[in-house]
Amino acid sequence: MPKENKIKLFLVDDDAVFLKSLEIQFLDHANLDIETFATGELCLANIAQNPDIVILDFHLDGIDRTAINGLETLDKIKDFNPKIPVIMLSSQDKIDVAISCMHHKASDYIVKSETAFVRLQKAIETIFKYQKMEKELNWYMERM
């Protein structure tokens, strides 16, 4: 498939091993154009590429203690383009963290675990199904 037909996915995580593992899993299971970033700042420096989806770690201070965190990065992504879906990823299995992410307009919140990849795939599928339905509805409404 030509590159322009691929889904552009940004993966943002300060855990290099987890980031590489996730990248390999996505490359093995989907037709994606993947960019990986170790900090929110690097992601934001490239956000003009308008990714189709961003998977963003909640904590991003493993490399640089002064780095902006996932919520700050999420807010800046949404300021740039509120339509870019962002799935938050965290090792924290706390409802208040998940709620906070959703208040910041994350599309989903997934806990890092052995099932994280499968859950990410399902979340991405759901996002694209919803976007397709929204486009079809808009097309229909324009013709009424």
N, C-alpha and C. Protein backbone atom coordinates (compact mmCIF):
# COMPACT_ATOMS: atom_id res chain seq x y z
N MET A 1 0.84 -1.17 0.00
CA MET A 1 0.00 0.00 0.00
C MET A 1 0.89 1.24 0.00
N PRO A 2 0.56 2.26 -0.80
CA PRO A 2 1.38 3.47 -0.82
C PRO A 2 1.40 4.14 0.54
N LYS A 3 2.49 4.82 0.83
CA LYS A 3 2.67 5.43 2.14
C LYS A 3 1.56 6.43 2.47
N GLU A 4 1.07 7.18 1.46
CA GLU A 4 0.05 8.18 1.73
C GLU A 4 -1.28 7.57 2.19
N ASN A 5 -1.49 6.29 1.97
CA ASN A 5 -2.71 5.63 2.42
C ASN A 5 -2.56 5.01 3.81
N LYS A 6 -1.38 5.06 4.35
CA LYS A 6 -1.15 4.50 5.68
C LYS A 6 -1.65 5.46 6.75
N ILE A 7 -2.01 4.89 7.88
CA ILE A 7 -2.39 5.69 9.04
C ILE A 7 -1.11 6.20 9.69
N LYS A 8 -1.05 7.50 9.94
CA LYS A 8 0.13 8.09 10.60
C LYS A 8 -0.08 8.04 12.10
N LEU A 9 0.77 7.28 12.77
CA LEU A 9 0.68 7.06 14.21
C LEU A 9 1.91 7.63 14.90
N PHE A 10 1.68 8.46 15.92
CA PHE A 10 2.75 8.95 16.78
C PHE A 10 2.71 8.14 18.07
N LEU A 11 3.85 7.57 18.45
CA LEU A 11 4.00 6.88 19.74
C LEU A 11 4.92 7.73 20.59
N VAL A 12 4.49 8.10 21.79
CA VAL A 12 5.27 8.97 22.66
C VAL A 12 5.41 8.31 24.02
N ASP A 13 6.64 7.93 24.37
CA ASP A 13 6.89 7.29 25.66
C ASP A 13 8.37 7.46 26.00
N ASP A 14 8.66 7.73 27.26
CA ASP A 14 10.05 7.90 27.69
C ASP A 14 10.73 6.59 28.05
N ASP A 15 9.98 5.50 28.06
CA ASP A 15 10.53 4.16 28.30
C ASP A 15 10.93 3.57 26.95
N ALA A 16 12.22 3.63 26.64
CA ALA A 16 12.71 3.22 25.32
C ALA A 16 12.37 1.78 24.98
N VAL A 17 12.45 0.88 25.95
CA VAL A 17 12.16 -0.53 25.69
C VAL A 17 10.67 -0.71 25.37
N PHE A 18 9.81 -0.10 26.17
CA PHE A 18 8.37 -0.20 25.93
C PHE A 18 8.00 0.44 24.58
N LEU A 19 8.61 1.58 24.30
CA LEU A 19 8.34 2.29 23.04
C LEU A 19 8.71 1.44 21.84
N LYS A 20 9.89 0.82 21.88
CA LYS A 20 10.34 -0.03 20.76
C LYS A 20 9.45 -1.27 20.64
N SER A 21 9.08 -1.84 21.76
CA SER A 21 8.21 -3.01 21.76
C SER A 21 6.86 -2.68 21.11
N LEU A 22 6.30 -1.55 21.49
CA LEU A 22 5.03 -1.12 20.93
C LEU A 22 5.15 -0.86 19.42
N GLU A 23 6.23 -0.21 19.04
CA GLU A 23 6.46 0.06 17.61
C GLU A 23 6.53 -1.24 16.82
N ILE A 24 7.27 -2.21 17.31
CA ILE A 24 7.41 -3.50 16.61
C ILE A 24 6.06 -4.21 16.51
N GLN A 25 5.30 -4.19 17.60
CA GLN A 25 3.98 -4.84 17.57
C GLN A 25 3.06 -4.18 16.54
N PHE A 26 3.05 -2.86 16.49
CA PHE A 26 2.21 -2.17 15.51
C PHE A 26 2.68 -2.43 14.09
N LEU A 27 3.98 -2.46 13.88
CA LEU A 27 4.49 -2.72 12.53
C LEU A 27 4.15 -4.13 12.07
N ASP A 28 4.10 -5.08 13.00
CA ASP A 28 3.76 -6.46 12.67
C ASP A 28 2.28 -6.68 12.41
N HIS A 29 1.42 -5.81 12.92
CA HIS A 29 -0.01 -6.06 12.87
C HIS A 29 -0.83 -5.04 12.11
N ALA A 30 -0.22 -4.01 11.57
CA ALA A 30 -1.03 -2.98 10.91
C ALA A 30 -0.21 -2.26 9.84
N ASN A 31 -0.94 -1.63 8.94
CA ASN A 31 -0.33 -0.85 7.88
C ASN A 31 -0.24 0.61 8.34
N LEU A 32 0.82 0.89 9.08
CA LEU A 32 0.97 2.19 9.71
C LEU A 32 2.28 2.87 9.33
N ASP A 33 2.25 4.18 9.34
CA ASP A 33 3.45 5.00 9.24
C ASP A 33 3.69 5.51 10.66
N ILE A 34 4.70 4.96 11.33
CA ILE A 34 4.90 5.23 12.76
C ILE A 34 6.10 6.15 12.99
N GLU A 35 5.87 7.14 13.83
CA GLU A 35 6.92 8.03 14.33
C GLU A 35 6.98 7.82 15.84
N THR A 36 8.18 7.68 16.39
CA THR A 36 8.32 7.51 17.83
C THR A 36 9.06 8.71 18.42
N PHE A 37 8.64 9.08 19.63
CA PHE A 37 9.23 10.22 20.32
C PHE A 37 9.40 9.88 21.80
N ALA A 38 10.53 10.28 22.37
CA ALA A 38 10.82 9.99 23.77
C ALA A 38 10.33 11.09 24.71
N THR A 39 9.93 12.24 24.17
CA THR A 39 9.43 13.34 25.00
C THR A 39 8.23 14.00 24.33
N GLY A 40 7.44 14.67 25.15
CA GLY A 40 6.33 15.44 24.62
C GLY A 40 6.81 16.57 23.74
N GLU A 41 7.94 17.16 24.11
CA GLU A 41 8.49 18.27 23.32
C GLU A 41 8.81 17.83 21.90
N LEU A 42 9.41 16.62 21.75
CA LEU A 42 9.73 16.11 20.41
C LEU A 42 8.46 15.84 19.61
N CYS A 43 7.47 15.30 20.27
CA CYS A 43 6.18 15.06 19.61
C CYS A 43 5.61 16.38 19.11
N LEU A 44 5.58 17.39 19.97
CA LEU A 44 5.00 18.68 19.61
C LEU A 44 5.80 19.38 18.50
N ALA A 45 7.10 19.14 18.46
CA ALA A 45 7.93 19.72 17.40
C ALA A 45 7.56 19.15 16.03
N ASN A 46 6.90 18.00 16.03
CA ASN A 46 6.52 17.33 14.77
C ASN A 46 5.01 17.29 14.55
N ILE A 47 4.24 17.92 15.40
CA ILE A 47 2.78 17.80 15.35
C ILE A 47 2.19 18.39 14.06
N ALA A 48 2.92 19.25 13.40
CA ALA A 48 2.45 19.83 12.13
C ALA A 48 2.28 18.75 11.05
N GLN A 49 2.83 17.55 11.28
CA GLN A 49 2.63 16.43 10.35
C GLN A 49 1.19 15.91 10.43
N ASN A 50 0.41 16.43 11.38
CA ASN A 50 -0.98 16.03 11.58
C ASN A 50 -1.17 14.52 11.62
N PRO A 51 -0.69 13.88 12.67
CA PRO A 51 -0.88 12.42 12.78
C PRO A 51 -2.36 12.08 12.84
N ASP A 52 -2.69 10.89 12.39
CA ASP A 52 -4.07 10.42 12.47
C ASP A 52 -4.44 10.04 13.89
N ILE A 53 -3.42 9.67 14.66
CA ILE A 53 -3.66 9.28 16.05
C ILE A 53 -2.35 9.38 16.83
N VAL A 54 -2.45 9.70 18.11
CA VAL A 54 -1.28 9.79 18.99
C VAL A 54 -1.52 8.87 20.19
N ILE A 55 -0.54 8.05 20.49
CA ILE A 55 -0.55 7.25 21.72
C ILE A 55 0.50 7.89 22.63
N LEU A 56 0.05 8.38 23.78
CA LEU A 56 0.86 9.26 24.61
C LEU A 56 0.96 8.76 26.04
N ASP A 57 2.19 8.61 26.51
CA ASP A 57 2.43 8.20 27.89
C ASP A 57 2.02 9.32 28.85
N PHE A 58 1.45 8.95 29.99
CA PHE A 58 1.03 9.92 31.00
C PHE A 58 2.22 10.60 31.66
N HIS A 59 3.24 9.80 32.02
CA HIS A 59 4.47 10.34 32.62
C HIS A 59 5.54 10.40 31.55
N LEU A 60 6.17 11.53 31.43
CA LEU A 60 7.22 11.67 30.41
C LEU A 60 8.48 12.30 31.01
N ASP A 61 8.82 11.91 32.23
CA ASP A 61 9.97 12.53 32.89
C ASP A 61 11.13 11.56 33.12
N GLY A 62 11.10 10.42 32.44
CA GLY A 62 12.15 9.42 32.64
C GLY A 62 13.49 9.81 32.06
N ILE A 63 13.49 10.62 31.03
CA ILE A 63 14.74 11.04 30.39
C ILE A 63 15.18 12.39 30.93
N ASP A 64 14.21 13.29 31.07
CA ASP A 64 14.47 14.65 31.52
C ASP A 64 13.43 15.01 32.58
N ARG A 65 13.87 15.20 33.80
CA ARG A 65 12.95 15.50 34.92
C ARG A 65 12.17 16.79 34.68
N THR A 66 12.65 17.69 33.82
CA THR A 66 11.96 18.95 33.56
C THR A 66 11.07 18.88 32.31
N ALA A 67 10.98 17.70 31.71
CA ALA A 67 10.15 17.54 30.50
C ALA A 67 8.69 17.76 30.84
N ILE A 68 7.94 18.24 29.87
CA ILE A 68 6.50 18.39 30.10
C ILE A 68 5.87 17.00 30.19
N ASN A 69 4.81 16.89 30.98
CA ASN A 69 4.19 15.59 31.17
C ASN A 69 3.16 15.31 30.08
N GLY A 70 2.53 14.16 30.19
CA GLY A 70 1.57 13.74 29.18
C GLY A 70 0.35 14.64 29.08
N LEU A 71 -0.17 15.10 30.22
CA LEU A 71 -1.33 15.99 30.19
C LEU A 71 -1.01 17.31 29.52
N GLU A 72 0.16 17.87 29.81
CA GLU A 72 0.56 19.13 29.16
C GLU A 72 0.72 18.92 27.65
N THR A 73 1.30 17.78 27.29
CA THR A 73 1.47 17.47 25.87
C THR A 73 0.10 17.29 25.22
N LEU A 74 -0.80 16.58 25.88
CA LEU A 74 -2.16 16.39 25.38
C LEU A 74 -2.84 17.74 25.14
N ASP A 75 -2.75 18.64 26.11
CA ASP A 75 -3.37 19.96 25.97
C ASP A 75 -2.82 20.71 24.77
N LYS A 76 -1.51 20.63 24.56
CA LYS A 76 -0.90 21.35 23.44
C LYS A 76 -1.27 20.72 22.09
N ILE A 77 -1.41 19.39 22.07
CA ILE A 77 -1.87 18.73 20.84
C ILE A 77 -3.28 19.20 20.52
N LYS A 78 -4.15 19.23 21.53
CA LYS A 78 -5.54 19.65 21.33
C LYS A 78 -5.62 21.13 20.96
N ASP A 79 -4.70 21.96 21.48
CA ASP A 79 -4.66 23.37 21.08
C ASP A 79 -4.29 23.48 19.60
N PHE A 80 -3.38 22.64 19.15
CA PHE A 80 -2.96 22.65 17.75
C PHE A 80 -4.09 22.17 16.84
N ASN A 81 -4.68 21.02 17.18
CA ASN A 81 -5.77 20.45 16.39
C ASN A 81 -6.63 19.57 17.29
N PRO A 82 -7.78 20.08 17.70
CA PRO A 82 -8.63 19.32 18.63
C PRO A 82 -9.16 18.00 18.05
N LYS A 83 -9.05 17.80 16.75
CA LYS A 83 -9.57 16.58 16.13
C LYS A 83 -8.57 15.42 16.14
N ILE A 84 -7.33 15.67 16.52
CA ILE A 84 -6.35 14.58 16.58
C ILE A 84 -6.69 13.71 17.79
N PRO A 85 -7.03 12.43 17.56
CA PRO A 85 -7.33 11.55 18.69
C PRO A 85 -6.05 11.19 19.45
N VAL A 86 -6.13 11.28 20.76
CA VAL A 86 -4.99 10.96 21.61
C VAL A 86 -5.42 9.90 22.63
N ILE A 87 -4.71 8.78 22.61
CA ILE A 87 -4.94 7.72 23.59
C ILE A 87 -3.85 7.83 24.64
N MET A 88 -4.26 8.01 25.89
CA MET A 88 -3.30 8.10 26.98
C MET A 88 -2.95 6.69 27.46
N LEU A 89 -1.69 6.52 27.77
CA LEU A 89 -1.16 5.24 28.20
C LEU A 89 -0.39 5.46 29.50
N SER A 90 -0.67 4.64 30.51
CA SER A 90 0.01 4.84 31.79
C SER A 90 0.12 3.54 32.55
N SER A 91 1.12 3.48 33.41
CA SER A 91 1.25 2.33 34.30
C SER A 91 0.36 2.49 35.52
N GLN A 92 -0.27 3.65 35.67
CA GLN A 92 -1.15 3.91 36.81
C GLN A 92 -2.55 3.38 36.54
N ASP A 93 -3.00 2.50 37.40
CA ASP A 93 -4.34 1.94 37.29
C ASP A 93 -5.23 2.66 38.31
N LYS A 94 -5.33 3.98 38.15
CA LYS A 94 -6.10 4.79 39.09
C LYS A 94 -7.20 5.51 38.33
N ILE A 95 -8.41 5.42 38.83
CA ILE A 95 -9.55 6.01 38.15
C ILE A 95 -9.43 7.53 38.07
N ASP A 96 -8.86 8.17 39.10
CA ASP A 96 -8.76 9.63 39.06
C ASP A 96 -7.79 10.09 37.96
N VAL A 97 -6.76 9.32 37.66
CA VAL A 97 -5.84 9.65 36.57
C VAL A 97 -6.56 9.51 35.23
N ALA A 98 -7.31 8.43 35.08
CA ALA A 98 -8.07 8.22 33.85
C ALA A 98 -9.09 9.34 33.64
N ILE A 99 -9.80 9.71 34.70
CA ILE A 99 -10.80 10.78 34.61
C ILE A 99 -10.14 12.10 34.23
N SER A 100 -9.00 12.37 34.83
CA SER A 100 -8.27 13.59 34.50
C SER A 100 -7.90 13.63 33.01
N CYS A 101 -7.44 12.51 32.50
CA CYS A 101 -7.09 12.44 31.07
C CYS A 101 -8.31 12.70 30.19
N MET A 102 -9.44 12.13 30.57
CA MET A 102 -10.66 12.32 29.78
C MET A 102 -11.13 13.78 29.85
N HIS A 103 -10.95 14.43 31.00
CA HIS A 103 -11.30 15.85 31.12
C HIS A 103 -10.42 16.71 30.22
N HIS A 104 -9.22 16.22 29.95
CA HIS A 104 -8.30 16.94 29.05
C HIS A 104 -8.52 16.54 27.59
N LYS A 105 -9.61 15.84 27.33
CA LYS A 105 -10.06 15.45 25.99
C LYS A 105 -9.27 14.31 25.34
N ALA A 106 -8.74 13.41 26.18
CA ALA A 106 -8.14 12.20 25.62
C ALA A 106 -9.27 11.33 25.06
N SER A 107 -8.96 10.59 24.01
CA SER A 107 -9.96 9.70 23.40
C SER A 107 -10.15 8.44 24.23
N ASP A 108 -9.10 8.02 24.91
CA ASP A 108 -9.17 6.81 25.73
C ASP A 108 -8.00 6.82 26.71
N TYR A 109 -8.08 5.94 27.70
CA TYR A 109 -7.03 5.78 28.70
C TYR A 109 -6.78 4.28 28.85
N ILE A 110 -5.55 3.87 28.64
CA ILE A 110 -5.22 2.45 28.70
C ILE A 110 -4.05 2.26 29.66
N VAL A 111 -4.19 1.27 30.53
CA VAL A 111 -3.15 0.95 31.50
C VAL A 111 -2.12 0.04 30.83
N LYS A 112 -0.85 0.35 31.04
CA LYS A 112 0.22 -0.49 30.52
C LYS A 112 0.16 -1.85 31.21
N SER A 113 0.01 -2.88 30.40
CA SER A 113 -0.05 -4.24 30.92
C SER A 113 0.23 -5.19 29.77
N GLU A 114 0.11 -6.48 30.05
CA GLU A 114 0.34 -7.47 28.98
C GLU A 114 -0.75 -7.42 27.92
N THR A 115 -1.90 -6.80 28.23
CA THR A 115 -2.98 -6.68 27.25
C THR A 115 -3.06 -5.29 26.61
N ALA A 116 -2.11 -4.44 26.92
CA ALA A 116 -2.16 -3.05 26.43
C ALA A 116 -2.21 -2.97 24.90
N PHE A 117 -1.41 -3.78 24.22
CA PHE A 117 -1.38 -3.70 22.76
C PHE A 117 -2.74 -4.04 22.16
N VAL A 118 -3.36 -5.10 22.65
CA VAL A 118 -4.68 -5.51 22.14
C VAL A 118 -5.70 -4.41 22.43
N ARG A 119 -5.65 -3.84 23.61
CA ARG A 119 -6.57 -2.77 23.96
C ARG A 119 -6.33 -1.53 23.12
N LEU A 120 -5.07 -1.24 22.80
CA LEU A 120 -4.77 -0.11 21.92
C LEU A 120 -5.34 -0.33 20.52
N GLN A 121 -5.17 -1.55 20.01
CA GLN A 121 -5.72 -1.87 18.68
C GLN A 121 -7.23 -1.65 18.66
N LYS A 122 -7.91 -2.12 19.68
CA LYS A 122 -9.37 -1.97 19.74
C LYS A 122 -9.77 -0.50 19.86
N ALA A 123 -9.02 0.25 20.64
CA ALA A 123 -9.32 1.68 20.80
C ALA A 123 -9.14 2.42 19.47
N ILE A 124 -8.09 2.09 18.75
CA ILE A 124 -7.84 2.73 17.45
C ILE A 124 -8.95 2.36 16.47
N GLU A 125 -9.32 1.09 16.45
CA GLU A 125 -10.43 0.65 15.59
C GLU A 125 -11.70 1.42 15.89
N THR A 126 -12.02 1.57 17.15
CA THR A 126 -13.22 2.29 17.56
C THR A 126 -13.17 3.75 17.13
N ILE A 127 -12.03 4.38 17.30
CA ILE A 127 -11.87 5.79 16.91
C ILE A 127 -12.12 5.94 15.41
N PHE A 128 -11.54 5.07 14.60
CA PHE A 128 -11.71 5.20 13.16
C PHE A 128 -13.12 4.85 12.70
N LYS A 129 -13.77 3.92 13.37
CA LYS A 129 -15.18 3.62 13.05
C LYS A 129 -16.05 4.83 13.35
N TYR A 130 -15.81 5.46 14.49
CA TYR A 130 -16.58 6.64 14.87
C TYR A 130 -16.34 7.77 13.87
N GLN A 131 -15.08 7.99 13.47
CA GLN A 131 -14.78 9.05 12.51
C GLN A 131 -15.47 8.78 11.17
N LYS A 132 -15.50 7.53 10.74
CA LYS A 132 -16.16 7.18 9.49
C LYS A 132 -17.65 7.45 9.59
N MET A 133 -18.26 7.06 10.70
CA MET A 133 -19.69 7.31 10.89
C MET A 133 -19.98 8.81 10.91
N GLU A 134 -19.11 9.58 11.54
CA GLU A 134 -19.29 11.02 11.62
C GLU A 134 -19.21 11.65 10.22
N LYS A 135 -18.27 11.19 9.39
CA LYS A 135 -18.15 11.69 8.02
C LYS A 135 -19.39 11.35 7.21
N GLU A 136 -19.87 10.13 7.35
CA GLU A 136 -21.06 9.71 6.62
C GLU A 136 -22.28 10.52 7.05
N LEU A 137 -22.40 10.77 8.34
CA LEU A 137 -23.50 11.57 8.84
C LEU A 137 -23.43 13.00 8.31
N ASN A 138 -22.24 13.58 8.33
CA ASN A 138 -22.06 14.95 7.80
C ASN A 138 -22.41 15.00 6.33
N TRP A 139 -21.96 14.00 5.57
CA TRP A 139 -22.27 13.94 4.14
C TRP A 139 -23.79 13.89 3.93
N TYR A 140 -24.45 13.06 4.71
CA TYR A 140 -25.90 12.92 4.61
C TYR A 140 -26.60 14.23 4.97
N MET A 141 -26.17 14.87 6.06
CA MET A 141 -26.79 16.10 6.52
C MET A 141 -26.63 17.24 5.51
N GLU A 142 -25.50 17.27 4.82
CA GLU A 142 -25.26 18.30 3.80
C GLU A 142 -26.22 18.16 2.62
N ARG A 143 -26.70 16.97 2.38
CA ARG A 143 -27.56 16.73 1.22
C ARG A 143 -29.06 16.85 1.55
N MET A 144 -29.36 17.07 2.80
CA MET A 144 -30.78 17.19 3.19
C MET A 144 -31.30 18.59 2.93
